[in-house]
C-alpha atoms as a PDB file:
ATOM      1  CA  UNK A   1      82.263  49.378-130.270  1.00  0.00           C
ATOM      2  CA  UNK A   2      79.109  47.620-129.034  1.00  0.00           C
ATOM      3  CA  UNK A   3      76.190  47.087-131.377  1.00  0.00           C
ATOM      4  CA  UNK A   4      73.153  49.190-130.666  1.00  0.00           C
ATOM      5  CA  UNK A   5      70.339  47.086-129.251  1.00  0.00           C
ATOM      6  CA  UNK A   6      66.884  47.756-130.654  1.00  0.00           C
ATOM      7  CA  UNK A   7      63.889  47.374-128.386  1.00  0.00           C
ATOM      8  CA  UNK A   8      60.982  45.271-129.575  1.00  0.00           C
ATOM      9  CA  UNK A   9      58.366  47.523-131.120  1.00  0.00           C
ATOM     10  CA  UNK A  10      55.172  48.223-129.227  1.00  0.00           C
ATOM     11  CA  UNK A  11      52.376  47.708-131.742  1.00  0.00           C
ATOM     12  CA  UNK A  12      49.007  49.421-131.373  1.00  0.00           C
ATOM     13  CA  UNK A  13      45.855  48.914-133.414  1.00  0.00           C
ATOM     14  CA  UNK A  14      44.197  52.239-134.247  1.00  0.00           C
ATOM     15  CA  UNK A  15      41.216  50.538-135.905  1.00  0.00           C
ATOM     16  CA  UNK A  16      39.096  53.668-136.347  1.00  0.00           C
ATOM     17  CA  UNK A  17      41.891  55.144-138.492  1.00  0.00           C
ATOM     18  CA  UNK A  18      42.826  51.855-140.197  1.00  0.00           C
ATOM     19  CA  UNK A  19      46.361  51.931-138.825  1.00  0.00           C
ATOM     20  CA  UNK A  20      48.500  49.378-137.070  1.00  0.00           C
ATOM     21  CA  UNK A  21      51.338  51.464-135.628  1.00  0.00           C
ATOM     22  CA  UNK A  22      54.737  50.453-134.266  1.00  0.00           C
ATOM     23  CA  UNK A  23      56.607  52.518-131.689  1.00  0.00           C
ATOM     24  CA  UNK A  24      60.131  51.909-130.392  1.00  0.00           C
ATOM     25  CA  UNK A  25      60.990  53.488-127.057  1.00  0.00           C
ATOM     26  CA  UNK A  26      57.876  55.666-127.426  1.00  0.00           C
ATOM     27  CA  UNK A  27      58.879  56.937-130.882  1.00  0.00           C
ATOM     28  CA  UNK A  28      56.781  56.262-133.996  1.00  0.00           C
ATOM     29  CA  UNK A  29      58.640  53.689-136.112  1.00  0.00           C
ATOM     30  CA  UNK A  30      56.200  52.444-138.761  1.00  0.00           C
ATOM     31  CA  UNK A  31      52.670  51.667-139.825  1.00  0.00           C
ATOM     32  CA  UNK A  32      50.504  49.324-141.845  1.00  0.00           C
ATOM     33  CA  UNK A  33      47.483  51.043-143.307  1.00  0.00           C
ATOM     34  CA  UNK A  34      44.596  48.584-143.547  1.00  0.00           C
ATOM     35  CA  UNK A  35      40.833  48.337-143.655  1.00  0.00           C
ATOM     36  CA  UNK A  36      38.250  45.819-142.565  1.00  0.00           C
ATOM     37  CA  UNK A  37      36.336  44.310-145.459  1.00  0.00           C
ATOM     38  CA  UNK A  38      32.642  45.209-145.341  1.00  0.00           C
ATOM     39  CA  UNK A  39      31.440  42.137-147.253  1.00  0.00           C
ATOM     40  CA  UNK A  40      31.215  38.588-145.961  1.00  0.00           C
ATOM     41  CA  UNK A  41      33.537  36.933-145.404  1.00  0.00           C
ATOM     42  CA  UNK A  42      35.059  39.785-143.440  1.00  0.00           C
ATOM     43  CA  UNK A  43      38.835  40.236-143.694  1.00  0.00           C
ATOM     44  CA  UNK A  44      41.621  42.623-142.779  1.00  0.00           C
ATOM     45  CA  UNK A  45      43.122  44.147-145.917  1.00  0.00           C
ATOM     46  CA  UNK A  46      46.697  45.473-145.808  1.00  0.00           C
ATOM     47  CA  UNK A  47      47.183  48.265-148.355  1.00  0.00           C
ATOM     48  CA  UNK A  48      50.414  50.038-147.409  1.00  0.00           C
ATOM     49  CA  UNK A  49      53.408  49.490-145.095  1.00  0.00           C
ATOM     50  CA  UNK A  50      55.842  52.269-144.210  1.00  0.00           C
ATOM     51  CA  UNK A  51      58.785  52.280-141.811  1.00  0.00           C
ATOM     52  CA  UNK A  52      60.417  55.522-140.698  1.00  0.00           C
ATOM     53  CA  UNK A  53      63.903  55.894-142.215  1.00  0.00           C
ATOM     54  CA  UNK A  54      65.508  55.943-138.747  1.00  0.00           C
ATOM     55  CA  UNK A  55      64.058  52.481-138.051  1.00  0.00           C
ATOM     56  CA  UNK A  56      64.613  50.713-141.383  1.00  0.00           C
ATOM     57  CA  UNK A  57      66.345  47.351-141.347  1.00  0.00           C
ATOM     58  CA  UNK A  58      65.285  46.509-137.795  1.00  0.00           C
ATOM     59  CA  UNK A  59      62.383  44.155-138.503  1.00  0.00           C
ATOM     60  CA  UNK A  60      59.661  46.731-137.857  1.00  0.00           C
ATOM     61  CA  UNK A  61      57.744  46.029-141.083  1.00  0.00           C
ATOM     62  CA  UNK A  62      57.844  42.287-140.460  1.00  0.00           C
ATOM     63  CA  UNK A  63      56.631  42.771-136.876  1.00  0.00           C
ATOM     64  CA  UNK A  64      53.723  44.867-138.156  1.00  0.00           C
ATOM     65  CA  UNK A  65      52.669  42.288-140.748  1.00  0.00           C
ATOM     66  CA  UNK A  66      53.036  39.458-138.238  1.00  0.00           C
ATOM     67  CA  UNK A  67      50.765  41.322-135.804  1.00  0.00           C
ATOM     68  CA  UNK A  68      48.171  42.001-138.526  1.00  0.00           C
ATOM     69  CA  UNK A  69      48.008  38.254-139.214  1.00  0.00           C
ATOM     70  CA  UNK A  70      47.813  37.544-135.471  1.00  0.00           C
ATOM     71  CA  UNK A  71      44.951  40.050-135.084  1.00  0.00           C
ATOM     72  CA  UNK A  72      43.106  38.437-137.990  1.00  0.00           C
ATOM     73  CA  UNK A  73      43.590  34.982-136.474  1.00  0.00           C
ATOM     74  CA  UNK A  74      42.196  36.190-133.134  1.00  0.00           C
ATOM     75  CA  UNK A  75      39.186  37.636-134.975  1.00  0.00           C
ATOM     76  CA  UNK A  76      38.728  34.523-137.121  1.00  0.00           C
ATOM     77  CA  UNK A  77      39.105  36.380-140.421  1.00  0.00           C
ATOM     78  CA  UNK A  78      41.651  36.172-143.255  1.00  0.00           C
ATOM     79  CA  UNK A  79      44.188  38.801-144.279  1.00  0.00           C
ATOM     80  CA  UNK A  80      44.288  40.078-147.845  1.00  0.00           C
ATOM     81  CA  UNK A  81      47.814  41.428-148.430  1.00  0.00           C
ATOM     82  CA  UNK A  82      47.274  43.980-151.208  1.00  0.00           C
ATOM     83  CA  UNK A  83      50.360  45.815-149.933  1.00  0.00           C
ATOM     84  CA  UNK A  84      53.432  44.542-151.841  1.00  0.00           C
ATOM     85  CA  UNK A  85      55.525  44.231-148.677  1.00  0.00           C
ATOM     86  CA  UNK A  86      52.806  42.293-146.840  1.00  0.00           C
ATOM     87  CA  UNK A  87      52.347  40.028-149.873  1.00  0.00           C
ATOM     88  CA  UNK A  88      56.099  39.231-150.007  1.00  0.00           C
ATOM     89  CA  UNK A  89      56.147  38.625-146.241  1.00  0.00           C
ATOM     90  CA  UNK A  90      53.190  36.249-146.580  1.00  0.00           C
ATOM     91  CA  UNK A  91      55.001  34.312-149.334  1.00  0.00           C
ATOM     92  CA  UNK A  92      58.032  33.900-147.041  1.00  0.00           C
ATOM     93  CA  UNK A  93      55.920  32.863-144.016  1.00  0.00           C
ATOM     94  CA  UNK A  94      53.197  30.534-145.331  1.00  0.00           C
ATOM     95  CA  UNK A  95      52.873  28.866-141.914  1.00  0.00           C
ATOM     96  CA  UNK A  96      51.812  32.225-140.403  1.00  0.00           C
ATOM     97  CA  UNK A  97      50.013  33.673-143.415  1.00  0.00           C
ATOM     98  CA  UNK A  98      47.247  31.478-144.810  1.00  0.00           C
ATOM     99  CA  UNK A  99      46.178  32.315-148.334  1.00  0.00           C
ATOM    100  CA  UNK A 100      42.843  34.121-148.596  1.00  0.00           C
ATOM    101  CA  UNK A 101      40.271  32.780-151.018  1.00  0.00           C
ATOM    102  CA  UNK A 102      39.947  34.315-154.470  1.00  0.00           C
ATOM    103  CA  UNK A 103      36.461  35.447-153.407  1.00  0.00           C
ATOM    104  CA  UNK A 104      37.744  37.518-150.484  1.00  0.00           C
ATOM    105  CA  UNK A 105      40.643  38.944-152.534  1.00  0.00           C
ATOM    106  CA  UNK A 106      38.168  40.077-155.201  1.00  0.00           C
ATOM    107  CA  UNK A 107      35.903  41.657-152.583  1.00  0.00           C
ATOM    108  CA  UNK A 108      38.881  43.507-151.075  1.00  0.00           C
ATOM    109  CA  UNK A 109      39.985  44.795-154.474  1.00  0.00           C
ATOM    110  CA  UNK A 110      36.452  45.990-155.252  1.00  0.00           C
ATOM    111  CA  UNK A 111      36.093  47.800-151.912  1.00  0.00           C
ATOM    112  CA  UNK A 112      39.483  49.501-152.300  1.00  0.00           C
ATOM    113  CA  UNK A 113      38.667  50.579-155.887  1.00  0.00           C
ATOM    114  CA  UNK A 114      35.244  51.901-154.818  1.00  0.00           C
ATOM    115  CA  UNK A 115      36.660  53.795-151.829  1.00  0.00           C
ATOM    116  CA  UNK A 116      40.052  55.258-152.786  1.00  0.00           C
ATOM    117  CA  UNK A 117      40.133  57.276-149.539  1.00  0.00           C
ATOM    118  CA  UNK A 118      40.682  54.049-147.591  1.00  0.00           C
ATOM    119  CA  UNK A 119      44.401  54.839-147.605  1.00  0.00           C
END
C-alpha cells in the first residue's frame, strides 16, 4: 500500500481577522491566531495555533509558525510567541526565530491582557 502524499499547505494571511490560515487541496487545515502589536516596536504576536484533526501530524502547525516568522522578517518586526506551540517551535528553530526583547514581550502581554477579544 502506497503512503498518502500530502500537498504543501497554501498559507494565507487574513490580517484584518488576525488569522494566518493553512489550506491543503483547498480545504481548511489549520490556523495561527495573532495580532499586530500597537506599541513601538511593532511585532506580530502569536496567541493560538490549531490544526484540524484530519490534518494533524503533517507539519501544518510548523508551516504556519514558519510563515509567521517569515512575514515578520519581511515587515522588519519581531514575533512574540505567546502561543505555547509557537514558543516550542521557536526554541527548536533558533536560526529562524530570533528572540524578541523583554520590552516587546511585555508590551504584547499588556495588549493581550487589556484586549481579551484579540483571540
